[in-house]
C-alpha atoms as a PDB file:
ATOM      1  CA  UNK A   1     120.999 117.279  64.915  1.00  0.00           C
ATOM      2  CA  UNK A   2     121.022 115.327  61.658  1.00  0.00           C
ATOM      3  CA  UNK A   3     122.820 112.030  61.240  1.00  0.00           C
ATOM      4  CA  UNK A   4     126.408 112.393  60.099  1.00  0.00           C
ATOM      5  CA  UNK A   5     127.884 109.356  58.334  1.00  0.00           C
ATOM      6  CA  UNK A   6     125.175 107.164  59.864  1.00  0.00           C
ATOM      7  CA  UNK A   7     126.103 108.140  63.432  1.00  0.00           C
ATOM      8  CA  UNK A   8     123.560 109.933  65.607  1.00  0.00           C
ATOM      9  CA  UNK A   9     124.877 113.139  67.138  1.00  0.00           C
ATOM     10  CA  UNK A  10     125.199 113.569  70.900  1.00  0.00           C
ATOM     11  CA  UNK A  11     122.553 116.273  70.694  1.00  0.00           C
ATOM     12  CA  UNK A  12     120.131 113.864  68.989  1.00  0.00           C
ATOM     13  CA  UNK A  13     120.758 111.136  71.572  1.00  0.00           C
ATOM     14  CA  UNK A  14     120.404 113.608  74.451  1.00  0.00           C
ATOM     15  CA  UNK A  15     117.164 114.928  72.946  1.00  0.00           C
ATOM     16  CA  UNK A  16     115.755 111.431  72.571  1.00  0.00           C
ATOM     17  CA  UNK A  17     116.729 110.570  76.152  1.00  0.00           C
ATOM     18  CA  UNK A  18     115.033 113.748  77.377  1.00  0.00           C
ATOM     19  CA  UNK A  19     111.800 112.815  75.621  1.00  0.00           C
ATOM     20  CA  UNK A  20     111.937 109.179  76.812  1.00  0.00           C
ATOM     21  CA  UNK A  21     112.457 110.370  80.390  1.00  0.00           C
ATOM     22  CA  UNK A  22     109.308 112.473  80.179  1.00  0.00           C
ATOM     23  CA  UNK A  23     107.279 109.743  78.507  1.00  0.00           C
ATOM     24  CA  UNK A  24     108.069 107.261  81.256  1.00  0.00           C
ATOM     25  CA  UNK A  25     108.208 109.591  84.258  1.00  0.00           C
ATOM     26  CA  UNK A  26     104.751 108.429  85.364  1.00  0.00           C
ATOM     27  CA  UNK A  27     106.323 105.075  86.297  1.00  0.00           C
ATOM     28  CA  UNK A  28     108.146 106.676  89.231  1.00  0.00           C
ATOM     29  CA  UNK A  29     105.061 108.243  90.782  1.00  0.00           C
ATOM     30  CA  UNK A  30     102.871 105.183  90.161  1.00  0.00           C
ATOM     31  CA  UNK A  31     105.543 102.920  91.679  1.00  0.00           C
ATOM     32  CA  UNK A  32     105.708 105.130  94.738  1.00  0.00           C
ATOM     33  CA  UNK A  33     101.916 105.065  95.040  1.00  0.00           C
ATOM     34  CA  UNK A  34     101.956 101.266  94.779  1.00  0.00           C
ATOM     35  CA  UNK A  35     104.574 100.997  97.539  1.00  0.00           C
ATOM     36  CA  UNK A  36     102.565 103.269  99.817  1.00  0.00           C
ATOM     37  CA  UNK A  37      99.329 101.370  99.155  1.00  0.00           C
ATOM     38  CA  UNK A  38     101.123  98.081  99.912  1.00  0.00           C
ATOM     39  CA  UNK A  39     102.529  99.760 103.067  1.00  0.00           C
ATOM     40  CA  UNK A  40     106.095  98.823 102.127  1.00  0.00           C
ATOM     41  CA  UNK A  41     107.692 101.770 103.983  1.00  0.00           C
ATOM     42  CA  UNK A  42     105.818 100.818 107.168  1.00  0.00           C
ATOM     43  CA  UNK A  43     106.674  97.118 106.817  1.00  0.00           C
ATOM     44  CA  UNK A  44     110.389  97.822 106.364  1.00  0.00           C
ATOM     45  CA  UNK A  45     110.376 100.355 109.196  1.00  0.00           C
ATOM     46  CA  UNK A  46     108.736  97.858 111.589  1.00  0.00           C
ATOM     47  CA  UNK A  47     111.257  95.204 110.560  1.00  0.00           C
ATOM     48  CA  UNK A  48     113.963  97.369 112.153  1.00  0.00           C
ATOM     49  CA  UNK A  49     116.836  96.216 109.942  1.00  0.00           C
ATOM     50  CA  UNK A  50     117.490  95.799 106.219  1.00  0.00           C
ATOM     51  CA  UNK A  51     114.799  93.486 104.903  1.00  0.00           C
ATOM     52  CA  UNK A  52     115.473  90.734 102.404  1.00  0.00           C
ATOM     53  CA  UNK A  53     113.190  90.537  99.387  1.00  0.00           C
ATOM     54  CA  UNK A  54     111.901  87.139 100.547  1.00  0.00           C
ATOM     55  CA  UNK A  55     111.025  88.643 103.946  1.00  0.00           C
ATOM     56  CA  UNK A  56     109.250  91.561 102.290  1.00  0.00           C
ATOM     57  CA  UNK A  57     107.216  89.275 100.025  1.00  0.00           C
ATOM     58  CA  UNK A  58     106.237  87.173 103.043  1.00  0.00           C
ATOM     59  CA  UNK A  59     105.288  90.280 105.060  1.00  0.00           C
ATOM     60  CA  UNK A  60     103.186  91.551 102.152  1.00  0.00           C
ATOM     61  CA  UNK A  61     101.244  88.302 102.280  1.00  0.00           C
ATOM     62  CA  UNK A  62     101.393  87.776  98.542  1.00  0.00           C
ATOM     63  CA  UNK A  63     102.135  84.655  96.536  1.00  0.00           C
ATOM     64  CA  UNK A  64     105.857  83.890  96.181  1.00  0.00           C
ATOM     65  CA  UNK A  65     105.297  83.758  92.418  1.00  0.00           C
ATOM     66  CA  UNK A  66     104.903  87.538  92.582  1.00  0.00           C
ATOM     67  CA  UNK A  67     108.466  87.980  93.901  1.00  0.00           C
ATOM     68  CA  UNK A  68     109.857  89.162  90.519  1.00  0.00           C
ATOM     69  CA  UNK A  69     107.251  91.932  90.428  1.00  0.00           C
ATOM     70  CA  UNK A  70     108.117  93.090  93.946  1.00  0.00           C
ATOM     71  CA  UNK A  71     111.807  92.979  92.983  1.00  0.00           C
ATOM     72  CA  UNK A  72     111.138  95.227  89.965  1.00  0.00           C
ATOM     73  CA  UNK A  73     109.096  97.614  92.080  1.00  0.00           C
ATOM     74  CA  UNK A  74     111.847  97.841  94.686  1.00  0.00           C
ATOM     75  CA  UNK A  75     114.480  98.281  91.963  1.00  0.00           C
ATOM     76  CA  UNK A  76     112.606 101.332  90.648  1.00  0.00           C
ATOM     77  CA  UNK A  77     112.196 102.740  94.153  1.00  0.00           C
ATOM     78  CA  UNK A  78     115.870 102.205  95.011  1.00  0.00           C
ATOM     79  CA  UNK A  79     116.823 103.927  91.757  1.00  0.00           C
ATOM     80  CA  UNK A  80     114.447 106.789  92.657  1.00  0.00           C
ATOM     81  CA  UNK A  81     116.083 107.158  96.081  1.00  0.00           C
ATOM     82  CA  UNK A  82     113.195 106.005  98.290  1.00  0.00           C
ATOM     83  CA  UNK A  83     114.904 102.858  99.541  1.00  0.00           C
ATOM     84  CA  UNK A  84     118.506 101.773  99.934  1.00  0.00           C
ATOM     85  CA  UNK A  85     119.929  98.301  99.316  1.00  0.00           C
ATOM     86  CA  UNK A  86     122.763  96.715 101.236  1.00  0.00           C
ATOM     87  CA  UNK A  87     124.191  93.208 101.497  1.00  0.00           C
ATOM     88  CA  UNK A  88     122.882  91.323 104.524  1.00  0.00           C
ATOM     89  CA  UNK A  89     123.167  87.902 106.116  1.00  0.00           C
ATOM     90  CA  UNK A  90     120.342  86.797 108.338  1.00  0.00           C
ATOM     91  CA  UNK A  91     121.138  85.950 111.942  1.00  0.00           C
ATOM     92  CA  UNK A  92     122.152  82.379 112.885  1.00  0.00           C
ATOM     93  CA  UNK A  93     118.666  81.877 114.323  1.00  0.00           C
ATOM     94  CA  UNK A  94     117.197  82.897 110.968  1.00  0.00           C
ATOM     95  CA  UNK A  95     117.244  80.957 107.741  1.00  0.00           C
ATOM     96  CA  UNK A  96     120.865  81.884 106.949  1.00  0.00           C
ATOM     97  CA  UNK A  97     119.797  83.551 103.731  1.00  0.00           C
ATOM     98  CA  UNK A  98     122.238  85.983 102.193  1.00  0.00           C
ATOM     99  CA  UNK A  99     121.206  88.715  99.813  1.00  0.00           C
ATOM    100  CA  UNK A 100     120.385  92.344  99.484  1.00  0.00           C
ATOM    101  CA  UNK A 101     118.265  93.960 102.124  1.00  0.00           C
ATOM    102  CA  UNK A 102     116.162  97.085 101.772  1.00  0.00           C
ATOM    103  CA  UNK A 103     115.940  99.887 104.288  1.00  0.00           C
ATOM    104  CA  UNK A 104     114.349 103.321 104.307  1.00  0.00           C
ATOM    105  CA  UNK A 105     115.995 106.331 102.726  1.00  0.00           C
ATOM    106  CA  UNK A 106     115.353 109.671 104.489  1.00  0.00           C
ATOM    107  CA  UNK A 107     112.572 110.654 102.065  1.00  0.00           C
ATOM    108  CA  UNK A 108     110.671 107.392 102.566  1.00  0.00           C
ATOM    109  CA  UNK A 109     110.321 108.202 106.264  1.00  0.00           C
ATOM    110  CA  UNK A 110     107.909 110.931 105.153  1.00  0.00           C
ATOM    111  CA  UNK A 111     105.670 108.173 103.747  1.00  0.00           C
ATOM    112  CA  UNK A 112     105.147 106.358 107.050  1.00  0.00           C
ATOM    113  CA  UNK A 113     101.595 106.251 108.399  1.00  0.00           C
ATOM    114  CA  UNK A 114     102.551 107.434 111.886  1.00  0.00           C
ATOM    115  CA  UNK A 115     105.014 110.143 110.819  1.00  0.00           C
ATOM    116  CA  UNK A 116     103.633 113.536 111.959  1.00  0.00           C
ATOM    117  CA  UNK A 117     104.971 115.244 108.813  1.00  0.00           C
ATOM    118  CA  UNK A 118     103.895 112.412 106.509  1.00  0.00           C
ATOM    119  CA  UNK A 119     103.266 113.262 102.879  1.00  0.00           C
ATOM    120  CA  UNK A 120     101.462 109.963 102.404  1.00  0.00           C
ATOM    121  CA  UNK A 121      97.929 111.460 102.358  1.00  0.00           C
ATOM    122  CA  UNK A 122      99.014 114.143  99.874  1.00  0.00           C
ATOM    123  CA  UNK A 123     100.683 111.555  97.613  1.00  0.00           C
ATOM    124  CA  UNK A 124      97.582 109.358  97.622  1.00  0.00           C
ATOM    125  CA  UNK A 125      95.321 112.344  96.965  1.00  0.00           C
ATOM    126  CA  UNK A 126      97.395 113.722  94.084  1.00  0.00           C
ATOM    127  CA  UNK A 127      97.684 110.298  92.432  1.00  0.00           C
ATOM    128  CA  UNK A 128      94.045 109.359  92.969  1.00  0.00           C
ATOM    129  CA  UNK A 129      92.261 108.446  89.718  1.00  0.00           C
ATOM    130  CA  UNK A 130      89.784 111.285  90.276  1.00  0.00           C
ATOM    131  CA  UNK A 131      92.618 113.806  89.924  1.00  0.00           C
ATOM    132  CA  UNK A 132      94.642 111.830  87.387  1.00  0.00           C
ATOM    133  CA  UNK A 133      91.888 110.982  84.899  1.00  0.00           C
ATOM    134  CA  UNK A 134      91.389 114.555  83.633  1.00  0.00           C
ATOM    135  CA  UNK A 135      95.026 114.539  82.464  1.00  0.00           C
ATOM    136  CA  UNK A 136      94.234 111.596  80.175  1.00  0.00           C
ATOM    137  CA  UNK A 137      91.779 113.498  77.984  1.00  0.00           C
END
């Protein structure tokens, strides 16, 4: 695993990547919790078609200045497989905006409030500070 001629070995790089993945794995679960608390799965589901980022920000009722933060959140959740992005063009009656729209992946349907098999309550319970705080000591 030592450096050879100043070049890190594949084993060293793979080992570092493994550790980094574990260090930052909390980001995935906290991002999912944030999306559920903001009701993003329900908002997109009610929209009925891929939802542009601008439409999502408007539906969330947050300041447009927060758009980059929502974009980053959605990027993480798309990468994690909870949402899917596709190119969309709004209808002629809409604002004619073109961009990437978000829609639910199969697993995000299990996060909907009205889904009989919803895992939403379990997710919120397991990621509640009361259960998470003991892991920080």
